[in-house]
Full PDB file with SEQRES, HELIX, SHEET, SSBOND, CRYST1, ORIGX, SCALE, CONECT and MASTER records, all heavy atoms in Angstrom:
SEQRES   1 A   44  ARG VAL ASP GLY LYS THR LEU TYR GLY LEU THR ALA PRO          
SEQRES   2 A   44  LEU ILE THR THR ALA ALA GLY ALA LYS MET GLY LYS THR          
SEQRES   3 A   44  ALA THR GLY ALA VAL TRP LEU ASN ALA ASP LYS LEU SER          
SEQRES   4 A   44  PRO TYR ASP TYR TRP                                          
HELIX    1 AA1 PRO A   40  TYR A   43  1                                   4    
SHEET    1 AA1 2 LYS A  25  THR A  26  0                                        
SHEET    2 AA1 2 GLY A  29  ALA A  30 -1                                        
CRYST1    1.000    1.000    1.000  90.00  90.00  90.00 P 1           1          
ORIGX1      1.000000  0.000000  0.000000        0.00000                         
ORIGX2      0.000000  1.000000  0.000000        0.00000                         
ORIGX3      0.000000  0.000000  1.000000        0.00000                         
SCALE1      1.000000  0.000000  0.000000        0.00000                         
SCALE2      0.000000  1.000000  0.000000        0.00000                         
SCALE3      0.000000  0.000000  1.000000        0.00000                         
ATOM      1  N   ARG A   1      23.229   6.017 -19.089  1.00  0.00           N  
ATOM      2  CA  ARG A   1      24.485   6.760 -19.152  1.00  0.00           C  
ATOM      3  C   ARG A   1      25.693   6.017 -18.895  1.00  0.00           C  
ATOM      4  O   ARG A   1      26.713   6.106 -19.485  1.00  0.00           O  
ATOM      5  CB  ARG A   1      24.416   7.945 -18.151  1.00  0.00           C  
ATOM      6  CG  ARG A   1      23.446   9.040 -18.472  1.00  0.00           C  
ATOM      7  CD  ARG A   1      23.283  10.097 -17.344  1.00  0.00           C  
ATOM      8  NE  ARG A   1      22.310  11.101 -17.768  1.00  0.00           N  
ATOM      9  CZ  ARG A   1      22.692  12.269 -18.268  1.00  0.00           C  
ATOM     10  NH1 ARG A   1      23.911  12.499 -18.535  1.00  0.00           N  
ATOM     11  NH2 ARG A   1      21.750  13.163 -18.549  1.00  0.00           N  
ATOM     12  N   VAL A   2      25.570   5.075 -17.867  1.00  0.00           N  
ATOM     13  CA  VAL A   2      26.820   4.342 -17.410  1.00  0.00           C  
ATOM     14  C   VAL A   2      26.995   3.061 -18.194  1.00  0.00           C  
ATOM     15  O   VAL A   2      28.142   2.568 -18.408  1.00  0.00           O  
ATOM     16  CB  VAL A   2      26.884   4.059 -15.912  1.00  0.00           C  
ATOM     17  CG1 VAL A   2      26.890   5.401 -15.164  1.00  0.00           C  
ATOM     18  CG2 VAL A   2      25.726   3.232 -15.509  1.00  0.00           C  
ATOM     19  N   ASP A   3      25.866   2.379 -18.628  1.00  0.00           N  
ATOM     20  CA  ASP A   3      25.976   1.042 -19.243  1.00  0.00           C  
ATOM     21  C   ASP A   3      25.492   1.065 -20.693  1.00  0.00           C  
ATOM     22  O   ASP A   3      25.516   0.104 -21.395  1.00  0.00           O  
ATOM     23  CB  ASP A   3      25.254  -0.045 -18.429  1.00  0.00           C  
ATOM     24  CG  ASP A   3      25.973  -0.405 -17.181  1.00  0.00           C  
ATOM     25  OD1 ASP A   3      27.108   0.041 -16.978  1.00  0.00           O  
ATOM     26  OD2 ASP A   3      25.394  -1.204 -16.360  1.00  0.00           O  
ATOM     27  N   GLY A   4      24.741   2.188 -21.057  1.00  0.00           N  
ATOM     28  CA  GLY A   4      24.279   2.250 -22.475  1.00  0.00           C  
ATOM     29  C   GLY A   4      23.076   1.384 -22.682  1.00  0.00           C  
ATOM     30  O   GLY A   4      22.894   0.919 -23.788  1.00  0.00           O  
ATOM     31  N   LYS A   5      22.402   1.019 -21.688  1.00  0.00           N  
ATOM     32  CA  LYS A   5      21.241   0.050 -21.753  1.00  0.00           C  
ATOM     33  C   LYS A   5      19.937   0.760 -21.499  1.00  0.00           C  
ATOM     34  O   LYS A   5      19.836   1.744 -20.873  1.00  0.00           O  
ATOM     35  CB  LYS A   5      21.416  -1.045 -20.742  1.00  0.00           C  
ATOM     36  CG  LYS A   5      22.659  -1.862 -20.918  1.00  0.00           C  
ATOM     37  CD  LYS A   5      22.657  -2.629 -22.284  1.00  0.00           C  
ATOM     38  CE  LYS A   5      23.937  -3.525 -22.437  1.00  0.00           C  
ATOM     39  NZ  LYS A   5      23.979  -4.250 -23.698  1.00  0.00           N  
ATOM     40  N   THR A   6      18.892   0.209 -22.182  1.00  0.00           N  
ATOM     41  CA  THR A   6      17.580   0.695 -22.068  1.00  0.00           C  
ATOM     42  C   THR A   6      16.736  -0.071 -20.969  1.00  0.00           C  
ATOM     43  O   THR A   6      16.617  -1.266 -21.105  1.00  0.00           O  
ATOM     44  CB  THR A   6      16.725   0.682 -23.325  1.00  0.00           C  
ATOM     45  OG1 THR A   6      17.435   1.474 -24.379  1.00  0.00           O  
ATOM     46  CG2 THR A   6      15.329   1.120 -23.152  1.00  0.00           C  
ATOM     47  N   LEU A   7      16.428   0.579 -19.971  1.00  0.00           N  
ATOM     48  CA  LEU A   7      15.570   0.002 -18.897  1.00  0.00           C  
ATOM     49  C   LEU A   7      14.281   0.735 -18.914  1.00  0.00           C  
ATOM     50  O   LEU A   7      14.035   1.703 -19.574  1.00  0.00           O  
ATOM     51  CB  LEU A   7      16.260   0.109 -17.534  1.00  0.00           C  
ATOM     52  CG  LEU A   7      17.635  -0.515 -17.318  1.00  0.00           C  
ATOM     53  CD1 LEU A   7      18.109  -0.411 -15.934  1.00  0.00           C  
ATOM     54  CD2 LEU A   7      17.742  -1.928 -17.806  1.00  0.00           C  
ATOM     55  N   TYR A   8      13.345   0.117 -18.078  1.00  0.00           N  
ATOM     56  CA  TYR A   8      11.934   0.615 -18.099  1.00  0.00           C  
ATOM     57  C   TYR A   8      11.385   0.979 -16.698  1.00  0.00           C  
ATOM     58  O   TYR A   8      11.837   0.286 -15.732  1.00  0.00           O  
ATOM     59  CB  TYR A   8      10.950  -0.444 -18.736  1.00  0.00           C  
ATOM     60  CG  TYR A   8      11.378  -0.852 -20.143  1.00  0.00           C  
ATOM     61  CD1 TYR A   8      12.054  -2.005 -20.369  1.00  0.00           C  
ATOM     62  CD2 TYR A   8      11.101  -0.082 -21.328  1.00  0.00           C  
ATOM     63  CE1 TYR A   8      12.506  -2.400 -21.553  1.00  0.00           C  
ATOM     64  CE2 TYR A   8      11.512  -0.438 -22.597  1.00  0.00           C  
ATOM     65  CZ  TYR A   8      12.232  -1.592 -22.698  1.00  0.00           C  
ATOM     66  OH  TYR A   8      12.627  -2.019 -23.927  1.00  0.00           O  
ATOM     67  N   GLY A   9      10.526   1.906 -16.643  1.00  0.00           N  
ATOM     68  CA  GLY A   9       9.854   2.212 -15.401  1.00  0.00           C  
ATOM     69  C   GLY A   9       8.379   2.270 -15.531  1.00  0.00           C  
ATOM     70  O   GLY A   9       7.901   2.630 -16.576  1.00  0.00           O  
ATOM     71  N   LEU A  10       7.649   1.733 -14.539  1.00  0.00           N  
ATOM     72  CA  LEU A  10       6.214   1.682 -14.609  1.00  0.00           C  
ATOM     73  C   LEU A  10       5.609   1.940 -13.200  1.00  0.00           C  
ATOM     74  O   LEU A  10       6.091   1.429 -12.195  1.00  0.00           O  
ATOM     75  CB  LEU A  10       5.754   0.288 -15.091  1.00  0.00           C  
ATOM     76  CG  LEU A  10       4.284   0.000 -15.266  1.00  0.00           C  
ATOM     77  CD1 LEU A  10       4.084  -1.045 -16.382  1.00  0.00           C  
ATOM     78  CD2 LEU A  10       3.602  -0.439 -13.936  1.00  0.00           C  
ATOM     79  N   THR A  11       4.664   2.762 -13.129  1.00  0.00           N  
ATOM     80  CA  THR A  11       4.120   3.139 -11.891  1.00  0.00           C  
ATOM     81  C   THR A  11       2.621   2.822 -11.770  1.00  0.00           C  
ATOM     82  O   THR A  11       1.911   2.810 -12.816  1.00  0.00           O  
ATOM     83  CB  THR A  11       4.254   4.611 -11.470  1.00  0.00           C  
ATOM     84  OG1 THR A  11       3.615   5.387 -12.447  1.00  0.00           O  
ATOM     85  CG2 THR A  11       5.789   4.977 -11.376  1.00  0.00           C  
ATOM     86  N   ALA A  12       2.085   2.531 -10.579  1.00  0.00           N  
ATOM     87  CA  ALA A  12       0.708   2.284 -10.276  1.00  0.00           C  
ATOM     88  C   ALA A  12       0.176   3.519  -9.620  1.00  0.00           C  
ATOM     89  O   ALA A  12       0.962   4.311  -8.936  1.00  0.00           O  
ATOM     90  CB  ALA A  12       0.557   1.104  -9.389  1.00  0.00           C  
ATOM     91  N   PRO A  13      -1.148   3.825  -9.541  1.00  0.00           N  
ATOM     92  CA  PRO A  13      -1.692   4.959  -8.990  1.00  0.00           C  
ATOM     93  C   PRO A  13      -1.633   4.826  -7.446  1.00  0.00           C  
ATOM     94  O   PRO A  13      -1.703   3.675  -6.988  1.00  0.00           O  
ATOM     95  CB  PRO A  13      -3.116   5.011  -9.514  1.00  0.00           C  
ATOM     96  CG  PRO A  13      -3.464   3.635  -9.872  1.00  0.00           C  
ATOM     97  CD  PRO A  13      -2.152   3.064 -10.425  1.00  0.00           C  
ATOM     98  N   LEU A  14      -1.567   5.912  -6.728  1.00  0.00           N  
ATOM     99  CA  LEU A  14      -1.685   5.930  -5.275  1.00  0.00           C  
ATOM    100  C   LEU A  14      -3.194   5.711  -5.056  1.00  0.00           C  
ATOM    101  O   LEU A  14      -4.051   6.490  -5.538  1.00  0.00           O  
ATOM    102  CB  LEU A  14      -1.173   7.168  -4.671  1.00  0.00           C  
ATOM    103  CG  LEU A  14       0.253   7.358  -4.808  1.00  0.00           C  
ATOM    104  CD1 LEU A  14       0.742   8.677  -4.139  1.00  0.00           C  
ATOM    105  CD2 LEU A  14       1.114   6.159  -4.293  1.00  0.00           C  
ATOM    106  N   ILE A  15      -3.560   4.740  -4.201  1.00  0.00           N  
ATOM    107  CA  ILE A  15      -4.928   4.382  -3.984  1.00  0.00           C  
ATOM    108  C   ILE A  15      -5.542   5.129  -2.829  1.00  0.00           C  
ATOM    109  O   ILE A  15      -5.029   5.171  -1.643  1.00  0.00           O  
ATOM    110  CB  ILE A  15      -5.074   2.866  -3.799  1.00  0.00           C  
ATOM    111  CG1 ILE A  15      -4.475   2.066  -4.950  1.00  0.00           C  
ATOM    112  CG2 ILE A  15      -6.548   2.438  -3.580  1.00  0.00           C  
ATOM    113  CD1 ILE A  15      -5.154   2.401  -6.239  1.00  0.00           C  
ATOM    114  N   THR A  16      -6.659   5.735  -3.106  1.00  0.00           N  
ATOM    115  CA  THR A  16      -7.465   6.312  -2.017  1.00  0.00           C  
ATOM    116  C   THR A  16      -8.868   5.763  -2.052  1.00  0.00           C  
ATOM    117  O   THR A  16      -9.249   5.206  -3.025  1.00  0.00           O  
ATOM    118  CB  THR A  16      -7.580   7.821  -2.114  1.00  0.00           C  
ATOM    119  OG1 THR A  16      -8.147   8.241  -3.399  1.00  0.00           O  
ATOM    120  CG2 THR A  16      -6.200   8.488  -1.946  1.00  0.00           C  
ATOM    121  N   THR A  17      -9.627   5.890  -0.992  1.00  0.00           N  
ATOM    122  CA  THR A  17     -11.014   5.328  -0.954  1.00  0.00           C  
ATOM    123  C   THR A  17     -11.855   6.365  -1.742  1.00  0.00           C  
ATOM    124  O   THR A  17     -11.495   7.518  -2.073  1.00  0.00           O  
ATOM    125  CB  THR A  17     -11.557   5.220   0.468  1.00  0.00           C  
ATOM    126  OG1 THR A  17     -11.664   6.533   0.985  1.00  0.00           O  
ATOM    127  CG2 THR A  17     -10.624   4.358   1.257  1.00  0.00           C  
ATOM    128  N   ALA A  18     -13.096   5.972  -2.027  1.00  0.00           N  
ATOM    129  CA  ALA A  18     -14.092   6.887  -2.705  1.00  0.00           C  
ATOM    130  C   ALA A  18     -14.241   8.107  -1.864  1.00  0.00           C  
ATOM    131  O   ALA A  18     -14.583   9.198  -2.483  1.00  0.00           O  
ATOM    132  CB  ALA A  18     -15.367   6.165  -2.899  1.00  0.00           C  
ATOM    133  N   ALA A  19     -14.088   8.084  -0.564  1.00  0.00           N  
ATOM    134  CA  ALA A  19     -14.306   9.302   0.277  1.00  0.00           C  
ATOM    135  C   ALA A  19     -13.003  10.077   0.273  1.00  0.00           C  
ATOM    136  O   ALA A  19     -12.994  11.168   0.956  1.00  0.00           O  
ATOM    137  CB  ALA A  19     -14.619   8.914   1.702  1.00  0.00           C  
ATOM    138  N   GLY A  20     -11.907   9.658  -0.419  1.00  0.00           N  
ATOM    139  CA  GLY A  20     -10.657  10.459  -0.345  1.00  0.00           C  
ATOM    140  C   GLY A  20      -9.699  10.117   0.652  1.00  0.00           C  
ATOM    141  O   GLY A  20      -8.637  10.780   0.695  1.00  0.00           O  
ATOM    142  N   ALA A  21      -9.992   9.106   1.504  1.00  0.00           N  
ATOM    143  CA  ALA A  21      -9.157   8.739   2.601  1.00  0.00           C  
ATOM    144  C   ALA A  21      -7.938   7.899   2.059  1.00  0.00           C  
ATOM    145  O   ALA A  21      -8.088   7.245   1.050  1.00  0.00           O  
ATOM    146  CB  ALA A  21      -9.812   7.934   3.686  1.00  0.00           C  
ATOM    147  N   LYS A  22      -6.794   8.030   2.680  1.00  0.00           N  
ATOM    148  CA  LYS A  22      -5.618   7.261   2.341  1.00  0.00           C  
ATOM    149  C   LYS A  22      -5.901   5.781   2.612  1.00  0.00           C  
ATOM    150  O   LYS A  22      -6.358   5.361   3.655  1.00  0.00           O  
ATOM    151  CB  LYS A  22      -4.467   7.738   3.118  1.00  0.00           C  
ATOM    152  CG  LYS A  22      -3.109   7.155   2.737  1.00  0.00           C  
ATOM    153  CD  LYS A  22      -1.955   7.772   3.442  1.00  0.00           C  
ATOM    154  CE  LYS A  22      -0.645   7.199   2.960  1.00  0.00           C  
ATOM    155  NZ  LYS A  22       0.513   7.833   3.694  1.00  0.00           N  
ATOM    156  N   MET A  23      -5.470   4.961   1.640  1.00  0.00           N  
ATOM    157  CA  MET A  23      -5.749   3.535   1.735  1.00  0.00           C  
ATOM    158  C   MET A  23      -4.875   2.884   2.815  1.00  0.00           C  
ATOM    159  O   MET A  23      -3.631   3.186   2.893  1.00  0.00           O  
ATOM    160  CB  MET A  23      -5.351   2.835   0.344  1.00  0.00           C  
ATOM    161  CG  MET A  23      -5.636   1.347   0.304  1.00  0.00           C  
ATOM    162  SD  MET A  23      -7.403   1.024   0.412  1.00  0.00           S  
ATOM    163  CE  MET A  23      -7.324  -0.747   0.276  1.00  0.00           C  
ATOM    164  N   GLY A  24      -5.417   2.069   3.595  1.00  0.00           N  
ATOM    165  CA  GLY A  24      -4.655   1.289   4.614  1.00  0.00           C  
ATOM    166  C   GLY A  24      -4.554   1.960   6.001  1.00  0.00           C  
ATOM    167  O   GLY A  24      -3.931   1.346   6.897  1.00  0.00           O  
ATOM    168  N   LYS A  25      -5.238   3.031   6.203  1.00  0.00           N  
ATOM    169  CA  LYS A  25      -5.290   3.672   7.470  1.00  0.00           C  
ATOM    170  C   LYS A  25      -6.751   3.628   8.099  1.00  0.00           C  
ATOM    171  O   LYS A  25      -7.713   3.860   7.417  1.00  0.00           O  
ATOM    172  CB  LYS A  25      -4.830   5.131   7.464  1.00  0.00           C  
ATOM    173  CG  LYS A  25      -3.321   5.233   7.023  1.00  0.00           C  
ATOM    174  CD  LYS A  25      -2.401   4.868   8.043  1.00  0.00           C  
ATOM    175  CE  LYS A  25      -0.980   5.206   7.682  1.00  0.00           C  
ATOM    176  NZ  LYS A  25      -0.006   4.848   8.772  1.00  0.00           N  
ATOM    177  N   THR A  26      -6.791   3.391   9.309  1.00  0.00           N  
ATOM    178  CA  THR A  26      -8.153   3.456  10.074  1.00  0.00           C  
ATOM    179  C   THR A  26      -7.960   4.404  11.278  1.00  0.00           C  
ATOM    180  O   THR A  26      -6.857   4.855  11.541  1.00  0.00           O  
ATOM    181  CB  THR A  26      -8.636   2.066  10.532  1.00  0.00           C  
ATOM    182  OG1 THR A  26      -7.722   1.635  11.613  1.00  0.00           O  
ATOM    183  CG2 THR A  26      -8.538   1.037   9.372  1.00  0.00           C  
ATOM    184  N   ALA A  27      -9.057   4.605  11.983  1.00  0.00           N  
ATOM    185  CA  ALA A  27      -9.064   5.478  13.122  1.00  0.00           C  
ATOM    186  C   ALA A  27      -8.113   4.903  14.235  1.00  0.00           C  
ATOM    187  O   ALA A  27      -7.546   5.700  15.043  1.00  0.00           O  
ATOM    188  CB  ALA A  27     -10.483   5.603  13.739  1.00  0.00           C  
ATOM    189  N   THR A  28      -7.881   3.622  14.148  1.00  0.00           N  
ATOM    190  CA  THR A  28      -6.994   2.913  15.223  1.00  0.00           C  
ATOM    191  C   THR A  28      -5.663   2.635  14.757  1.00  0.00           C  
ATOM    192  O   THR A  28      -4.827   2.051  15.461  1.00  0.00           O  
ATOM    193  CB  THR A  28      -7.708   1.617  15.789  1.00  0.00           C  
ATOM    194  OG1 THR A  28      -7.961   0.856  14.629  1.00  0.00           O  
ATOM    195  CG2 THR A  28      -8.946   2.025  16.527  1.00  0.00           C  
ATOM    196  N   GLY A  29      -5.261   3.066  13.524  1.00  0.00           N  
ATOM    197  CA  GLY A  29      -3.936   2.907  13.013  1.00  0.00           C  
ATOM    198  C   GLY A  29      -3.808   2.144  11.734  1.00  0.00           C  
ATOM    199  O   GLY A  29      -4.848   1.990  10.995  1.00  0.00           O  
ATOM    200  N   ALA A  30      -2.636   1.652  11.379  1.00  0.00           N  
ATOM    201  CA  ALA A  30      -2.357   0.971  10.145  1.00  0.00           C  
ATOM    202  C   ALA A  30      -3.112  -0.378  10.096  1.00  0.00           C  
ATOM    203  O   ALA A  30      -3.207  -1.071  11.100  1.00  0.00           O  
ATOM    204  CB  ALA A  30      -0.860   0.842   9.909  1.00  0.00           C  
ATOM    205  N   VAL A  31      -3.416  -0.874   8.915  1.00  0.00           N  
ATOM    206  CA  VAL A  31      -3.970  -2.195   8.704  1.00  0.00           C  
ATOM    207  C   VAL A  31      -2.785  -3.098   8.335  1.00  0.00           C  
ATOM    208  O   VAL A  31      -2.462  -3.230   7.115  1.00  0.00           O  
ATOM    209  CB  VAL A  31      -5.053  -2.185   7.646  1.00  0.00           C  
ATOM    210  CG1 VAL A  31      -5.687  -3.541   7.407  1.00  0.00           C  
ATOM    211  CG2 VAL A  31      -6.106  -1.137   7.971  1.00  0.00           C  
ATOM    212  N   TRP A  32      -2.239  -3.706   9.268  1.00  0.00           N  
ATOM    213  CA  TRP A  32      -1.076  -4.583   9.135  1.00  0.00           C  
ATOM    214  C   TRP A  32      -1.347  -5.839   8.391  1.00  0.00           C  
ATOM    215  O   TRP A  32      -2.446  -6.416   8.559  1.00  0.00           O  
ATOM    216  CB  TRP A  32      -0.370  -4.813  10.479  1.00  0.00           C  
ATOM    217  CG  TRP A  32       0.094  -3.600  11.175  1.00  0.00           C  
ATOM    218  CD1 TRP A  32      -0.593  -3.051  12.250  1.00  0.00           C  
ATOM    219  CD2 TRP A  32       1.218  -2.774  10.867  1.00  0.00           C  
ATOM    220  NE1 TRP A  32       0.133  -1.869  12.684  1.00  0.00           N  
ATOM    221  CE2 TRP A  32       1.259  -1.728  11.794  1.00  0.00           C  
ATOM    222  CE3 TRP A  32       2.195  -2.803   9.886  1.00  0.00           C  
ATOM    223  CZ2 TRP A  32       2.190  -0.701  11.756  1.00  0.00           C  
ATOM    224  CZ3 TRP A  32       3.168  -1.852   9.894  1.00  0.00           C  
ATOM    225  CH2 TRP A  32       3.200  -0.755  10.838  1.00  0.00           C  
ATOM    226  N   LEU A  33      -0.330  -6.470   7.749  1.00  0.00           N  
ATOM    227  CA  LEU A  33      -0.547  -7.684   7.046  1.00  0.00           C  
ATOM    228  C   LEU A  33      -0.059  -8.814   7.932  1.00  0.00           C  
ATOM    229  O   LEU A  33      -0.265 -10.038   7.471  1.00  0.00           O  
ATOM    230  CB  LEU A  33       0.220  -7.723   5.770  1.00  0.00           C  
ATOM    231  CG  LEU A  33      -0.010  -6.578   4.755  1.00  0.00           C  
ATOM    232  CD1 LEU A  33       0.780  -6.781   3.459  1.00  0.00           C  
ATOM    233  CD2 LEU A  33      -1.531  -6.474   4.474  1.00  0.00           C  
ATOM    234  N   ASN A  34       0.586  -8.651   9.046  1.00  0.00           N  
ATOM    235  CA  ASN A  34       0.982  -9.781   9.930  1.00  0.00           C  
ATOM    236  C   ASN A  34       0.007  -9.964  10.973  1.00  0.00           C  
ATOM    237  O   ASN A  34      -0.444  -8.975  11.603  1.00  0.00           O  
ATOM    238  CB  ASN A  34       2.361  -9.396  10.545  1.00  0.00           C  
ATOM    239  CG  ASN A  34       3.567  -9.693   9.618  1.00  0.00           C  
ATOM    240  OD1 ASN A  34       3.322 -10.015   8.507  1.00  0.00           O  
ATOM    241  ND2 ASN A  34       4.710  -9.595  10.210  1.00  0.00           N  
ATOM    242  N   ALA A  35      -0.321 -11.229  11.301  1.00  0.00           N  
ATOM    243  CA  ALA A  35      -1.360 -11.644  12.187  1.00  0.00           C  
ATOM    244  C   ALA A  35      -0.998 -11.197  13.568  1.00  0.00           C  
ATOM    245  O   ALA A  35      -1.995 -10.940  14.459  1.00  0.00           O  
ATOM    246  CB  ALA A  35      -1.723 -13.083  12.112  1.00  0.00           C  
ATOM    247  N   ASP A  36       0.273 -11.101  13.927  1.00  0.00           N  
ATOM    248  CA  ASP A  36       0.634 -10.775  15.316  1.00  0.00           C  
ATOM    249  C   ASP A  36       0.539  -9.242  15.595  1.00  0.00           C  
ATOM    250  O   ASP A  36       0.557  -8.805  16.709  1.00  0.00           O  
ATOM    251  CB  ASP A  36       2.096 -11.148  15.643  1.00  0.00           C  
ATOM    252  CG  ASP A  36       3.056 -10.568  14.630  1.00  0.00           C  
ATOM    253  OD1 ASP A  36       2.723 -10.005  13.624  1.00  0.00           O  
ATOM    254  OD2 ASP A  36       4.289 -10.647  14.963  1.00  0.00           O  
ATOM    255  N   LYS A  37       0.323  -8.485  14.489  1.00  0.00           N  
ATOM    256  CA  LYS A  37       0.012  -7.015  14.685  1.00  0.00           C  
ATOM    257  C   LYS A  37      -1.444  -6.725  14.413  1.00  0.00           C  
ATOM    258  O   LYS A  37      -1.913  -5.627  14.868  1.00  0.00           O  
ATOM    259  CB  LYS A  37       1.006  -6.195  13.743  1.00  0.00           C  
ATOM    260  CG  LYS A  37       2.392  -6.318  14.120  1.00  0.00           C  
ATOM    261  CD  LYS A  37       3.327  -5.606  13.126  1.00  0.00           C  
ATOM    262  CE  LYS A  37       3.263  -4.098  13.413  1.00  0.00           C  
ATOM    263  NZ  LYS A  37       3.879  -3.635  14.596  1.00  0.00           N  
ATOM    264  N   LEU A  38      -2.139  -7.426  13.645  1.00  0.00           N  
ATOM    265  CA  LEU A  38      -3.582  -7.211  13.394  1.00  0.00           C  
ATOM    266  C   LEU A  38      -4.195  -8.662  13.098  1.00  0.00           C  
ATOM    267  O   LEU A  38      -3.752  -9.360  12.250  1.00  0.00           O  
ATOM    268  CB  LEU A  38      -3.764  -6.343  12.171  1.00  0.00           C  
ATOM    269  CG  LEU A  38      -5.318  -5.939  11.937  1.00  0.00           C  
ATOM    270  CD1 LEU A  38      -5.731  -4.918  12.918  1.00  0.00           C  
ATOM    271  CD2 LEU A  38      -5.491  -5.510  10.512  1.00  0.00           C  
ATOM    272  N   SER A  39      -5.283  -8.961  13.918  1.00  0.00           N  
ATOM    273  CA  SER A  39      -5.760 -10.357  13.802  1.00  0.00           C  
ATOM    274  C   SER A  39      -6.453 -10.471  12.456  1.00  0.00           C  
ATOM    275  O   SER A  39      -6.956  -9.566  11.796  1.00  0.00           O  
ATOM    276  CB  SER A  39      -6.868 -10.580  14.859  1.00  0.00           C  
ATOM    277  OG  SER A  39      -8.020  -9.763  14.635  1.00  0.00           O  
ATOM    278  N   PRO A  40      -6.474 -11.818  11.945  1.00  0.00           N  
ATOM    279  CA  PRO A  40      -7.178 -12.004  10.644  1.00  0.00           C  
ATOM    280  C   PRO A  40      -8.664 -11.533  10.695  1.00  0.00           C  
ATOM    281  O   PRO A  40      -9.191 -11.093   9.711  1.00  0.00           O  
ATOM    282  CB  PRO A  40      -7.131 -13.545  10.507  1.00  0.00           C  
ATOM    283  CG  PRO A  40      -5.749 -13.897  11.253  1.00  0.00           C  
ATOM    284  CD  PRO A  40      -5.816 -12.902  12.444  1.00  0.00           C  
ATOM    285  N   TYR A  41      -9.302 -11.663  11.833  1.00  0.00           N  
ATOM    286  CA  TYR A  41     -10.661 -11.182  11.962  1.00  0.00           C  
ATOM    287  C   TYR A  41     -10.788  -9.673  11.647  1.00  0.00           C  
ATOM    288  O   TYR A  41     -11.611  -9.168  10.948  1.00  0.00           O  
ATOM    289  CB  TYR A  41     -11.192 -11.490  13.327  1.00  0.00           C  
ATOM    290  CG  TYR A  41     -12.599 -10.852  13.626  1.00  0.00           C  
ATOM    291  CD1 TYR A  41     -13.746 -11.415  13.099  1.00  0.00           C  
ATOM    292  CD2 TYR A  41     -12.743  -9.654  14.336  1.00  0.00           C  
ATOM    293  CE1 TYR A  41     -14.997 -10.852  13.293  1.00  0.00           C  
ATOM    294  CE2 TYR A  41     -13.969  -9.049  14.500  1.00  0.00           C  
ATOM    295  CZ  TYR A  41     -15.092  -9.696  13.960  1.00  0.00           C  
ATOM    296  OH  TYR A  41     -16.315  -9.091  14.196  1.00  0.00           O  
ATOM    297  N   ASP A  42      -9.854  -8.887  12.309  1.00  0.00           N  
ATOM    298  CA  ASP A  42      -9.799  -7.451  12.105  1.00  0.00           C  
ATOM    299  C   ASP A  42      -9.515  -7.033  10.698  1.00  0.00           C  
ATOM    300  O   ASP A  42     -10.037  -6.133  10.094  1.00  0.00           O  
ATOM    301  CB  ASP A  42      -8.873  -6.772  12.995  1.00  0.00           C  
ATOM    302  CG  ASP A  42      -9.440  -6.658  14.479  1.00  0.00           C  
ATOM    303  OD1 ASP A  42     -10.732  -6.564  14.596  1.00  0.00           O  
ATOM    304  OD2 ASP A  42      -8.598  -6.572  15.456  1.00  0.00           O  
ATOM    305  N   TYR A  43      -8.647  -7.921  10.061  1.00  0.00           N  
ATOM    306  CA  TYR A  43      -8.255  -7.657   8.665  1.00  0.00           C  
ATOM    307  C   TYR A  43      -9.485  -7.963   7.778  1.00  0.00           C  
ATOM    308  O   TYR A  43      -9.824  -7.149   6.927  1.00  0.00           O  
ATOM    309  CB  TYR A  43      -7.166  -8.650   8.309  1.00  0.00           C  
ATOM    310  CG  TYR A  43      -6.570  -8.415   6.913  1.00  0.00           C  
ATOM    311  CD1 TYR A  43      -5.600  -7.390   6.794  1.00  0.00           C  
ATOM    312  CD2 TYR A  43      -6.853  -9.221   5.799  1.00  0.00           C  
ATOM    313  CE1 TYR A  43      -5.073  -7.170   5.481  1.00  0.00           C  
ATOM    314  CE2 TYR A  43      -6.359  -8.974   4.562  1.00  0.00           C  
ATOM    315  CZ  TYR A  43      -5.385  -7.976   4.390  1.00  0.00           C  
ATOM    316  OH  TYR A  43      -4.842  -7.773   3.172  1.00  0.00           O  
ATOM    317  N   TRP A  44     -10.237  -9.031   8.085  1.00  0.00           N  
ATOM    318  CA  TRP A  44     -11.410  -9.313   7.354  1.00  0.00           C  
ATOM    319  C   TRP A  44     -12.485  -8.207   7.516  1.00  0.00           C  
ATOM    320  O   TRP A  44     -13.040  -7.715   6.552  1.00  0.00           O  
ATOM    321  CB  TRP A  44     -12.016 -10.615   7.908  1.00  0.00           C  
ATOM    322  CG  TRP A  44     -13.172 -11.247   7.101  1.00  0.00           C  
ATOM    323  CD1 TRP A  44     -13.046 -12.238   6.223  1.00  0.00           C  
ATOM    324  CD2 TRP A  44     -14.558 -10.961   7.281  1.00  0.00           C  
ATOM    325  NE1 TRP A  44     -14.291 -12.514   5.684  1.00  0.00           N  
ATOM    326  CE2 TRP A  44     -15.246 -11.832   6.376  1.00  0.00           C  
ATOM    327  CE3 TRP A  44     -15.323 -10.107   8.028  1.00  0.00           C  
ATOM    328  CZ2 TRP A  44     -16.627 -11.792   6.210  1.00  0.00           C  
ATOM    329  CZ3 TRP A  44     -16.679 -10.044   7.877  1.00  0.00           C  
ATOM    330  CH2 TRP A  44     -17.396 -10.848   6.983  1.00  0.00           C  
TER     331      TRP A  44                                                      
MASTER        0    0    0    1    2    0    0    6  330    1    0    4          
END                                                                             
């Protein structure tokens, strides 16, 4: 509308486990990507 240009949008599915649980959550909280919030061992 404002620039007269064609842009694109693309989405990925929201991921759940086979059991229907939300991806990235465990009983003890979020699965963080930083080692100071979750050890590499726990991530593994």
